[in-house]
Amino acid sequence: MTDPVRAFEPIRTERLLLREPRLEDAAPLMAVFGDPEAMRYIGDGNVRTLEQIQESMAKRIALLEARGHTMWTVQHLSSGEVLGDCGIIPIAWKGPEIELGYRFRPSAWGRGYATEASRAALTHFRSLGTGIDPIAVTDTRNDASGKVLQKIGFVFAGRTDAYYGETLHLYRLSDDA
């Protein structure tokens, strides 16, 4: 059964489909949120339960309907496999800042999917005409995520204690991005 979500055009890239989140995405996303290696640098590092992922899916759906952007479910275009998620949301689901985020299953790491999906999500967000530039934050040990951000036009802006109750690396879009 498909969720009663207003129809949104999926975002297509060369290899990926970023589409609206659905409640039934919770099970395939366990490959990300239920994997200790994938969760190592996310939040408190704990894996999530299926129920927690379902709650998150409901938030994503509501945000998409309210604002036209969200954490999209990312699928491989040819296989249809759910690889993870990527999108732009109010930081910590509260804001006021807007953040770019992405999480992928370990089998998808090192293939450029995070870069490809992030570029597409950023382009979509800009098309909404909000005039807001998203920020990004990463765990201070997550060098790979910082490299992804730099590839798509973010620059390191220092450390911050302002989000998620921990010290993180803060990235802002460069003036050239």
C-alpha atoms as a PDB file:
ATOM      1  CA  MET A   1       0.000   0.000   0.000  1.00  0.00           C
ATOM      2  CA  THR A   2       1.293   3.443  -0.917  1.00  0.00           C
ATOM      3  CA  ASP A   3       1.031   6.354   1.484  1.00  0.00           C
ATOM      4  CA  PRO A   4      -1.491   9.084   0.690  1.00  0.00           C
ATOM      5  CA  VAL A   5       1.261  11.560  -0.234  1.00  0.00           C
ATOM      6  CA  ARG A   6       0.641  14.337  -2.722  1.00  0.00           C
ATOM      7  CA  ALA A   7       2.410  13.402  -5.948  1.00  0.00           C
ATOM      8  CA  PHE A   8       5.875  14.952  -6.229  1.00  0.00           C
ATOM      9  CA  GLU A   9       8.123  14.575  -9.209  1.00  0.00           C
ATOM     10  CA  PRO A  10      11.045  12.321  -8.380  1.00  0.00           C
ATOM     11  CA  ILE A  11      14.519  13.713  -8.881  1.00  0.00           C
ATOM     12  CA  ARG A  12      16.552  11.721 -11.397  1.00  0.00           C
ATOM     13  CA  THR A  13      20.301  11.752 -11.747  1.00  0.00           C
ATOM     14  CA  GLU A  14      22.549   9.651 -13.954  1.00  0.00           C
ATOM     15  CA  ARG A  15      22.336   6.654 -11.586  1.00  0.00           C
ATOM     16  CA  LEU A  16      19.876   7.561  -8.853  1.00  0.00           C
ATOM     17  CA  LEU A  17      16.250   8.293  -8.152  1.00  0.00           C
ATOM     18  CA  LEU A  18      15.457  10.570  -5.226  1.00  0.00           C
ATOM     19  CA  ARG A  19      11.774  10.072  -4.565  1.00  0.00           C
ATOM     20  CA  GLU A  20       9.200  10.948  -1.978  1.00  0.00           C
ATOM     21  CA  PRO A  21       9.483   8.999   1.268  1.00  0.00           C
ATOM     22  CA  ARG A  22       6.905   6.322   1.996  1.00  0.00           C
ATOM     23  CA  LEU A  23       6.107   4.494   5.206  1.00  0.00           C
ATOM     24  CA  GLU A  24       7.085   1.200   3.584  1.00  0.00           C
ATOM     25  CA  ASP A  25      10.625   2.553   3.075  1.00  0.00           C
ATOM     26  CA  ALA A  26      11.311   1.877   6.749  1.00  0.00           C
ATOM     27  CA  ALA A  27      12.116  -1.808   6.160  1.00  0.00           C
ATOM     28  CA  PRO A  28      14.689  -1.321   3.357  1.00  0.00           C
ATOM     29  CA  LEU A  29      16.212   1.620   5.245  1.00  0.00           C
ATOM     30  CA  MET A  30      17.061  -0.785   8.100  1.00  0.00           C
ATOM     31  CA  ALA A  31      20.154  -1.517   5.945  1.00  0.00           C
ATOM     32  CA  VAL A  32      21.298   1.983   6.925  1.00  0.00           C
ATOM     33  CA  PHE A  33      19.720   2.741  10.288  1.00  0.00           C
ATOM     34  CA  GLY A  34      20.027  -0.780  11.643  1.00  0.00           C
ATOM     35  CA  ASP A  35      23.721  -1.110  10.736  1.00  0.00           C
ATOM     36  CA  PRO A  36      26.226  -0.104  13.460  1.00  0.00           C
ATOM     37  CA  GLU A  37      28.889   0.842  10.894  1.00  0.00           C
ATOM     38  CA  ALA A  38      26.486   3.086   8.974  1.00  0.00           C
ATOM     39  CA  MET A  39      25.313   4.729  12.208  1.00  0.00           C
ATOM     40  CA  ARG A  40      28.788   5.273  13.653  1.00  0.00           C
ATOM     41  CA  TYR A  41      28.808   9.013  12.872  1.00  0.00           C
ATOM     42  CA  ILE A  42      25.059   9.680  12.994  1.00  0.00           C
ATOM     43  CA  GLY A  43      23.586  11.177  16.140  1.00  0.00           C
ATOM     44  CA  ASP A  44      24.372   9.121  19.208  1.00  0.00           C
ATOM     45  CA  GLY A  45      25.702   6.288  17.032  1.00  0.00           C
ATOM     46  CA  ASN A  46      22.946   3.899  18.078  1.00  0.00           C
ATOM     47  CA  VAL A  47      21.055   1.824  15.548  1.00  0.00           C
ATOM     48  CA  ARG A  48      17.365   2.577  15.144  1.00  0.00           C
ATOM     49  CA  THR A  49      14.410   0.256  15.505  1.00  0.00           C
ATOM     50  CA  LEU A  50      11.902  -0.274  12.733  1.00  0.00           C
ATOM     51  CA  GLU A  51       9.383   1.741  14.750  1.00  0.00           C
ATOM     52  CA  GLN A  52      11.808   4.684  15.037  1.00  0.00           C
ATOM     53  CA  ILE A  53      12.415   4.616  11.290  1.00  0.00           C
ATOM     54  CA  GLN A  54       8.667   4.534  10.652  1.00  0.00           C
ATOM     55  CA  GLU A  55       8.242   7.618  12.862  1.00  0.00           C
ATOM     56  CA  SER A  56      10.988   9.330  10.876  1.00  0.00           C
ATOM     57  CA  MET A  57       9.263   8.435   7.606  1.00  0.00           C
ATOM     58  CA  ALA A  58       6.068  10.101   8.839  1.00  0.00           C
ATOM     59  CA  LYS A  59       8.052  13.302   9.624  1.00  0.00           C
ATOM     60  CA  ARG A  60       9.621  13.242   6.175  1.00  0.00           C
ATOM     61  CA  ILE A  61       6.246  12.865   4.487  1.00  0.00           C
ATOM     62  CA  ALA A  62       4.756  15.743   6.489  1.00  0.00           C
ATOM     63  CA  LEU A  63       7.736  18.009   5.731  1.00  0.00           C
ATOM     64  CA  LEU A  64       7.519  17.281   2.009  1.00  0.00           C
ATOM     65  CA  GLU A  65       3.825  18.111   1.953  1.00  0.00           C
ATOM     66  CA  ALA A  66       4.358  21.307   3.967  1.00  0.00           C
ATOM     67  CA  ARG A  67       7.530  22.678   2.353  1.00  0.00           C
ATOM     68  CA  GLY A  68       8.281  20.784  -0.867  1.00  0.00           C
ATOM     69  CA  HIS A  69      11.591  19.394   0.409  1.00  0.00           C
ATOM     70  CA  THR A  70      12.535  16.557   2.730  1.00  0.00           C
ATOM     71  CA  MET A  71      14.911  13.639   3.191  1.00  0.00           C
ATOM     72  CA  TRP A  72      14.246  11.824  -0.072  1.00  0.00           C
ATOM     73  CA  THR A  73      14.488   8.049  -0.330  1.00  0.00           C
ATOM     74  CA  VAL A  74      17.398   7.269  -2.669  1.00  0.00           C
ATOM     75  CA  GLN A  75      17.102   4.300  -5.003  1.00  0.00           C
ATOM     76  CA  HIS A  76      19.478   2.974  -7.614  1.00  0.00           C
ATOM     77  CA  LEU A  77      17.867   3.922 -10.901  1.00  0.00           C
ATOM     78  CA  SER A  78      18.422   0.625 -12.723  1.00  0.00           C
ATOM     79  CA  SER A  79      18.032  -1.906  -9.892  1.00  0.00           C
ATOM     80  CA  GLY A  80      15.468  -0.070  -7.759  1.00  0.00           C
ATOM     81  CA  GLU A  81      17.464  -0.941  -4.633  1.00  0.00           C
ATOM     82  CA  VAL A  82      17.016   1.509  -1.756  1.00  0.00           C
ATOM     83  CA  LEU A  83      20.515   2.818  -0.999  1.00  0.00           C
ATOM     84  CA  GLY A  84      19.734   5.387   1.688  1.00  0.00           C
ATOM     85  CA  ASP A  85      18.360   8.881   1.989  1.00  0.00           C
ATOM     86  CA  CYS A  86      19.406  12.405   1.142  1.00  0.00           C
ATOM     87  CA  GLY A  87      17.794  15.772   1.381  1.00  0.00           C
ATOM     88  CA  ILE A  88      17.353  19.086   3.085  1.00  0.00           C
ATOM     89  CA  ILE A  89      15.470  19.482   6.361  1.00  0.00           C
ATOM     90  CA  PRO A  90      15.283  21.910   9.277  1.00  0.00           C
ATOM     91  CA  ILE A  91      18.330  21.094  11.387  1.00  0.00           C
ATOM     92  CA  ALA A  92      17.427  18.627  14.151  1.00  0.00           C
ATOM     93  CA  TRP A  93      13.871  18.777  12.727  1.00  0.00           C
ATOM     94  CA  LYS A  94      13.505  22.144  14.516  1.00  0.00           C
ATOM     95  CA  GLY A  95      15.503  24.714  12.576  1.00  0.00           C
ATOM     96  CA  PRO A  96      15.619  27.568  12.082  1.00  0.00           C
ATOM     97  CA  GLU A  97      18.644  26.638   9.959  1.00  0.00           C
ATOM     98  CA  ILE A  98      18.167  24.215   7.091  1.00  0.00           C
ATOM     99  CA  GLU A  99      20.653  21.384   6.679  1.00  0.00           C
ATOM    100  CA  LEU A 100      21.738  19.065   3.912  1.00  0.00           C
ATOM    101  CA  GLY A 101      22.065  15.467   5.058  1.00  0.00           C
ATOM    102  CA  TYR A 102      22.616  12.016   3.614  1.00  0.00           C
ATOM    103  CA  ARG A 103      22.976   8.471   4.919  1.00  0.00           C
ATOM    104  CA  PHE A 104      23.745   5.408   2.818  1.00  0.00           C
ATOM    105  CA  ARG A 105      24.080   1.686   3.411  1.00  0.00           C
ATOM    106  CA  PRO A 106      27.735   0.605   3.635  1.00  0.00           C
ATOM    107  CA  SER A 107      27.489  -1.393   0.386  1.00  0.00           C
ATOM    108  CA  ALA A 108      26.841   1.957  -1.390  1.00  0.00           C
ATOM    109  CA  TRP A 109      29.842   3.784   0.076  1.00  0.00           C
ATOM    110  CA  GLY A 110      32.752   4.888  -2.111  1.00  0.00           C
ATOM    111  CA  ARG A 111      30.731   4.977  -5.340  1.00  0.00           C
ATOM    112  CA  GLY A 112      29.927   8.672  -5.516  1.00  0.00           C
ATOM    113  CA  TYR A 113      26.248   8.223  -4.652  1.00  0.00           C
ATOM    114  CA  ALA A 114      26.315  10.697  -1.757  1.00  0.00           C
ATOM    115  CA  THR A 115      27.856  13.362  -3.984  1.00  0.00           C
ATOM    116  CA  GLU A 116      25.418  12.692  -6.819  1.00  0.00           C
ATOM    117  CA  ALA A 117      22.351  12.650  -4.570  1.00  0.00           C
ATOM    118  CA  SER A 118      23.452  15.721  -2.592  1.00  0.00           C
ATOM    119  CA  ARG A 119      23.958  17.784  -5.743  1.00  0.00           C
ATOM    120  CA  ALA A 120      20.472  16.825  -6.911  1.00  0.00           C
ATOM    121  CA  ALA A 121      18.855  17.590  -3.546  1.00  0.00           C
ATOM    122  CA  LEU A 122      20.605  20.970  -3.407  1.00  0.00           C
ATOM    123  CA  THR A 123      19.513  21.825  -6.952  1.00  0.00           C
ATOM    124  CA  HIS A 124      15.925  20.898  -6.118  1.00  0.00           C
ATOM    125  CA  PHE A 125      15.975  22.954  -2.927  1.00  0.00           C
ATOM    126  CA  ARG A 126      17.293  25.993  -4.799  1.00  0.00           C
ATOM    127  CA  SER A 127      14.518  25.596  -7.378  1.00  0.00           C
ATOM    128  CA  LEU A 128      11.993  26.236  -4.597  1.00  0.00           C
ATOM    129  CA  GLY A 129      13.200  29.842  -4.426  1.00  0.00           C
ATOM    130  CA  THR A 130      13.520  30.066  -0.654  1.00  0.00           C
ATOM    131  CA  GLY A 131      16.634  32.228  -0.821  1.00  0.00           C
ATOM    132  CA  ILE A 132      18.034  30.160   2.064  1.00  0.00           C
ATOM    133  CA  ASP A 133      21.397  28.439   1.844  1.00  0.00           C
ATOM    134  CA  PRO A 134      21.529  25.176   3.749  1.00  0.00           C
ATOM    135  CA  ILE A 135      24.363  24.339   6.101  1.00  0.00           C
ATOM    136  CA  ALA A 136      25.792  20.900   6.827  1.00  0.00           C
ATOM    137  CA  VAL A 137      27.281  19.375   9.950  1.00  0.00           C
ATOM    138  CA  THR A 138      29.376  16.245  10.316  1.00  0.00           C
ATOM    139  CA  ASP A 139      30.927  14.255  13.099  1.00  0.00           C
ATOM    140  CA  THR A 140      34.460  15.571  13.601  1.00  0.00           C
ATOM    141  CA  ARG A 141      35.850  12.115  12.724  1.00  0.00           C
ATOM    142  CA  ASN A 142      33.879  11.737   9.494  1.00  0.00           C
ATOM    143  CA  ASP A 143      36.391  12.918   6.897  1.00  0.00           C
ATOM    144  CA  ALA A 144      34.582  11.134   4.044  1.00  0.00           C
ATOM    145  CA  SER A 145      31.422  13.159   4.595  1.00  0.00           C
ATOM    146  CA  GLY A 146      33.425  16.384   4.661  1.00  0.00           C
ATOM    147  CA  LYS A 147      34.948  15.478   1.287  1.00  0.00           C
ATOM    148  CA  VAL A 148      31.481  14.939  -0.192  1.00  0.00           C
ATOM    149  CA  LEU A 149      30.385  18.357   1.016  1.00  0.00           C
ATOM    150  CA  GLN A 150      33.469  20.048  -0.419  1.00  0.00           C
ATOM    151  CA  LYS A 151      32.874  18.396  -3.814  1.00  0.00           C
ATOM    152  CA  ILE A 152      29.458  20.022  -4.059  1.00  0.00           C
ATOM    153  CA  GLY A 153      30.524  23.514  -3.013  1.00  0.00           C
ATOM    154  CA  PHE A 154      30.523  23.595   0.776  1.00  0.00           C
ATOM    155  CA  VAL A 155      33.481  24.956   2.708  1.00  0.00           C
ATOM    156  CA  PHE A 156      34.603  24.080   6.204  1.00  0.00           C
ATOM    157  CA  ALA A 157      33.511  26.848   8.588  1.00  0.00           C
ATOM    158  CA  GLY A 158      34.963  25.507  11.830  1.00  0.00           C
ATOM    159  CA  ARG A 159      33.659  23.559  14.783  1.00  0.00           C
ATOM    160  CA  THR A 160      30.302  24.159  16.402  1.00  0.00           C
ATOM    161  CA  ASP A 161      28.526  23.073  19.576  1.00  0.00           C
ATOM    162  CA  ALA A 162      25.200  24.562  18.440  1.00  0.00           C
ATOM    163  CA  TYR A 163      23.558  21.398  17.097  1.00  0.00           C
ATOM    164  CA  TYR A 164      22.671  17.930  18.311  1.00  0.00           C
ATOM    165  CA  GLY A 165      24.342  18.414  21.694  1.00  0.00           C
ATOM    166  CA  GLU A 166      27.849  17.645  20.458  1.00  0.00           C
ATOM    167  CA  THR A 167      30.862  19.261  18.815  1.00  0.00           C
ATOM    168  CA  LEU A 168      30.578  18.968  15.048  1.00  0.00           C
ATOM    169  CA  HIS A 169      32.242  20.279  11.928  1.00  0.00           C
ATOM    170  CA  LEU A 170      30.186  23.016  10.312  1.00  0.00           C
ATOM    171  CA  TYR A 171      30.072  23.524   6.539  1.00  0.00           C
ATOM    172  CA  ARG A 172      28.554  26.435   4.628  1.00  0.00           C
ATOM    173  CA  LEU A 173      28.035  26.884   0.908  1.00  0.00           C
ATOM    174  CA  SER A 174      30.848  28.839  -0.698  1.00  0.00           C
ATOM    175  CA  ASP A 175      30.019  32.082  -2.472  1.00  0.00           C
ATOM    176  CA  ASP A 176      30.845  30.326  -5.760  1.00  0.00           C
ATOM    177  CA  ALA A 177      28.451  27.401  -5.237  1.00  0.00           C
END
